[in-house]
Amino acid sequence: MQLISRDGNMKVDFYPAAGLSNKFVQVTSFQDKEMSERLISKRDMTDEANARIHGYGYTVTKFHTSPRVKMMVCC
């Protein structure tokens, strides 16, 4: 799913996580520059999307069906 703010500056994309059921990769961009990427649960994705849509007036512009790989590093 892709959400765009009212002024079009902020964009949030939610992609299914490759190989992980019930997980999504959230990518936040400002002025088309990727600012953050994180792995979240399906519940967190739903809560985040609803908060942005109903609380801040974001618009759903598309739905992503292709999974995205989130590289996790452990130290």
Protein backbone atom coordinates (compact mmCIF):
# COMPACT_ATOMS: atom_id res chain seq x y z
CA MET A 1 0.00 0.00 0.00
CA GLN A 2 1.21 3.52 -0.71
CA LEU A 3 -0.01 6.55 1.23
CA ILE A 4 0.67 10.16 0.26
CA SER A 5 0.18 13.23 2.46
CA ARG A 6 -2.15 16.06 1.51
CA ASP A 7 0.69 18.28 0.27
CA GLY A 8 2.42 15.39 -1.51
CA ASN A 9 5.73 15.78 0.33
CA MET A 10 5.49 12.71 2.56
CA LYS A 11 5.02 9.19 1.20
CA VAL A 12 4.73 5.93 3.14
CA ASP A 13 4.94 2.57 1.36
CA PHE A 14 4.06 -0.78 2.90
CA TYR A 15 5.42 -3.87 1.11
CA PRO A 16 4.93 -7.52 2.07
CA ALA A 17 8.19 -8.77 3.60
CA ALA A 18 9.89 -11.44 1.50
CA GLY A 19 9.76 -14.81 3.25
CA LEU A 20 7.98 -13.53 6.37
CA SER A 21 4.25 -13.98 6.78
CA ASN A 22 2.41 -11.26 8.70
CA LYS A 23 5.35 -8.84 8.35
CA PHE A 24 5.66 -5.73 6.20
CA VAL A 25 8.47 -3.41 5.21
CA GLN A 26 7.55 0.24 5.83
CA VAL A 27 9.45 2.78 3.73
CA THR A 28 8.99 6.46 4.57
CA SER A 29 10.03 9.08 2.01
CA PHE A 30 10.09 12.88 2.14
CA GLN A 31 10.19 14.80 -1.14
CA ASP A 32 10.93 11.50 -2.96
CA LYS A 33 14.01 10.86 -0.78
CA GLU A 34 13.89 7.64 1.24
CA MET A 35 14.27 8.54 4.92
CA SER A 36 13.65 5.26 6.75
CA GLU A 37 12.90 1.60 6.26
CA ARG A 38 11.72 -0.78 8.97
CA LEU A 39 10.19 -4.19 9.45
CA ILE A 40 6.77 -4.10 11.15
CA SER A 41 3.94 -6.49 11.99
CA LYS A 42 0.65 -6.61 10.09
CA ARG A 43 -1.13 -5.11 13.11
CA ASP A 44 1.35 -2.20 13.27
CA MET A 45 0.93 -1.63 9.53
CA THR A 46 -2.85 -1.50 9.89
CA ASP A 47 -2.67 0.88 12.87
CA GLU A 48 -0.13 3.14 11.12
CA ALA A 49 -2.13 3.28 7.89
CA ASN A 50 -5.40 4.03 9.69
CA ALA A 51 -3.78 6.77 11.79
CA ARG A 52 -2.35 8.47 8.71
CA ILE A 53 -5.55 8.11 6.64
CA HIS A 54 -8.07 9.11 9.30
CA GLY A 55 -5.91 11.37 11.46
CA TYR A 56 -3.78 13.21 8.91
CA GLY A 57 -5.73 12.97 5.66
CA TYR A 58 -3.30 10.76 3.74
CA THR A 59 -4.59 9.22 0.51
CA VAL A 60 -4.12 5.62 -0.62
CA THR A 61 -2.61 5.77 -4.10
CA LYS A 62 -1.63 2.15 -4.85
CA PHE A 63 -1.24 -1.34 -3.42
CA HIS A 64 2.10 -3.17 -3.49
CA THR A 65 1.92 -6.92 -4.05
CA SER A 66 5.57 -7.67 -4.79
CA PRO A 67 7.56 -8.49 -1.65
CA ARG A 68 10.50 -6.36 -0.57
CA VAL A 69 13.58 -7.76 1.10
CA LYS A 70 14.53 -6.08 4.36
CA MET A 71 18.16 -6.74 5.22
CA MET A 72 18.58 -7.13 8.95
CA VAL A 73 22.00 -6.84 10.52
CA CYS A 74 22.87 -8.24 13.91
CA CYS A 75 25.94 -7.13 15.84
